[in-house]
C-alpha cells in the first residue's frame, strides 16, 4: 500500500457549492482529510460553508462560518481529521460571489 500526500485547490469560490479541487475519493482508496483552509479574497467579511458529501447526502463541517476581510478559516487541521470513503467529496460555498480560495490537504492510501 502506498501513502501519498496530495493537495487540491479551488479558487474564486462563490455562491454555488463547488467540489474542492474536483476531488472525489476513488475506488480502493482510503483517504484522510488532514487540512482545509478557506481564505477570504475580498475586502469585506464573508460567511462560508464546508460540506462533506458521501455521494448522496451533504453533512456540514462548518455552516455560515465568518471569515474576516483578508482573513482565513481553518475548517480542518490540528487535532481534527476527517476520514473519507469511496465516493466522498468536500464542497465549499460562500455567501459572496468569487470571494474565497480553498486549499485542501489529504493523505491517500492506495
Protein backbone atom coordinates (compact mmCIF):
# COMPACT_ATOMS: atom_id res chain seq x y z
CA UNK A 1 0.00 0.00 0.00
CA UNK A 2 1.30 3.42 -0.99
CA UNK A 3 0.85 6.51 1.20
CA UNK A 4 0.66 9.73 -0.82
CA UNK A 5 0.13 13.28 0.40
CA UNK A 6 -1.96 15.35 -2.02
CA UNK A 7 -3.16 18.94 -2.28
CA UNK A 8 -6.24 20.25 -4.08
CA UNK A 9 -7.42 23.82 -4.50
CA UNK A 10 -10.43 25.76 -5.73
CA UNK A 11 -10.13 29.48 -6.49
CA UNK A 12 -12.81 32.15 -6.57
CA UNK A 13 -15.45 30.06 -4.80
CA UNK A 14 -18.77 31.89 -4.71
CA UNK A 15 -22.45 31.33 -4.09
CA UNK A 16 -22.68 27.93 -5.81
CA UNK A 17 -21.20 24.94 -3.99
CA UNK A 18 -18.08 23.53 -5.66
CA UNK A 19 -16.30 20.25 -5.05
CA UNK A 20 -12.87 21.30 -3.79
CA UNK A 21 -10.30 20.54 -6.46
CA UNK A 22 -12.92 18.37 -8.22
CA UNK A 23 -11.65 15.59 -5.92
CA UNK A 24 -13.77 12.53 -5.17
CA UNK A 25 -12.31 9.52 -3.34
CA UNK A 26 -11.69 6.73 -5.84
CA UNK A 27 -12.29 3.01 -5.50
CA UNK A 28 -9.81 1.01 -3.41
CA UNK A 29 -8.57 4.23 -1.80
CA UNK A 30 -8.56 5.23 1.84
CA UNK A 31 -8.29 8.99 2.33
CA UNK A 32 -7.82 11.19 5.38
CA UNK A 33 -8.55 14.89 5.10
CA UNK A 34 -5.75 16.43 7.18
CA UNK A 35 -6.23 20.11 6.43
CA UNK A 36 -8.67 22.53 4.85
CA UNK A 37 -8.30 26.31 4.80
CA UNK A 38 -10.68 28.89 3.33
CA UNK A 39 -9.18 32.31 2.55
CA UNK A 40 -11.33 35.41 2.08
CA UNK A 41 -10.04 37.22 -1.01
CA UNK A 42 -12.33 40.25 -0.67
CA UNK A 43 -12.25 43.47 1.33
CA UNK A 44 -15.43 42.56 3.27
CA UNK A 45 -16.34 39.77 5.69
CA UNK A 46 -17.91 36.65 4.19
CA UNK A 47 -19.65 33.54 5.56
CA UNK A 48 -18.71 30.09 4.26
CA UNK A 49 -19.96 26.53 4.43
CA UNK A 50 -17.72 23.47 4.18
CA UNK A 51 -19.70 20.33 3.41
CA UNK A 52 -18.91 16.62 3.38
CA UNK A 53 -20.77 14.70 0.66
CA UNK A 54 -20.97 10.90 0.75
CA UNK A 55 -22.17 10.64 -2.84
CA UNK A 56 -25.80 11.16 -1.87
CA UNK A 57 -26.03 13.27 1.29
CA UNK A 58 -24.49 16.54 2.46
CA UNK A 59 -23.29 17.00 6.05
CA UNK A 60 -21.89 20.32 7.25
CA UNK A 61 -18.36 20.51 8.60
CA UNK A 62 -18.97 24.23 9.24
CA UNK A 63 -22.04 26.31 8.36
CA UNK A 64 -22.16 30.09 7.93
CA UNK A 65 -18.67 30.40 9.42
CA UNK A 66 -17.49 34.02 9.39
CA UNK A 67 -14.22 34.82 7.61
CA UNK A 68 -12.97 38.40 8.07
CA UNK A 69 -11.76 40.51 5.16
CA UNK A 70 -8.34 39.24 4.09
CA UNK A 71 -8.50 36.50 6.74
CA UNK A 72 -8.81 32.73 6.70
CA UNK A 73 -10.68 29.91 8.39
CA UNK A 74 -9.03 26.58 9.19
CA UNK A 75 -12.04 24.27 8.95
CA UNK A 76 -9.96 21.08 9.33
CA UNK A 77 -6.50 20.86 10.86
CA UNK A 78 -4.55 20.44 14.06
CA UNK A 79 -6.06 17.58 16.04
CA UNK A 80 -9.10 17.27 13.76
CA UNK A 81 -9.05 14.91 10.77
CA UNK A 82 -11.89 13.56 8.63
CA UNK A 83 -11.88 10.04 7.19
CA UNK A 84 -13.22 9.95 3.63
CA UNK A 85 -14.53 6.80 1.95
CA UNK A 86 -15.03 5.82 -1.70
CA UNK A 87 -17.30 8.34 -3.42
CA UNK A 88 -16.89 11.04 -0.76
CA UNK A 89 -16.05 14.65 -1.59
CA UNK A 90 -15.72 18.01 0.15
CA UNK A 91 -17.64 21.05 -1.09
CA UNK A 92 -17.35 24.74 -0.25
CA UNK A 93 -19.67 27.70 -0.78
CA UNK A 94 -19.62 31.37 0.20
CA UNK A 95 -22.37 33.93 0.65
CA UNK A 96 -20.48 36.26 -1.71
CA UNK A 97 -19.59 35.76 -5.38
CA UNK A 98 -15.95 34.88 -6.22
CA UNK A 99 -14.82 35.57 -2.66
CA UNK A 100 -12.91 32.54 -1.35
CA UNK A 101 -9.94 30.35 -2.18
CA UNK A 102 -9.96 26.86 -0.66
CA UNK A 103 -6.90 24.67 -0.08
CA UNK A 104 -7.32 21.03 0.96
CA UNK A 105 -4.59 18.57 2.06
CA UNK A 106 -5.13 14.80 2.02
CA UNK A 107 -3.34 11.56 2.78
CA UNK A 108 -4.28 8.81 0.35
CA UNK A 109 -3.59 5.13 0.94
CA UNK A 110 -3.88 3.02 -2.17
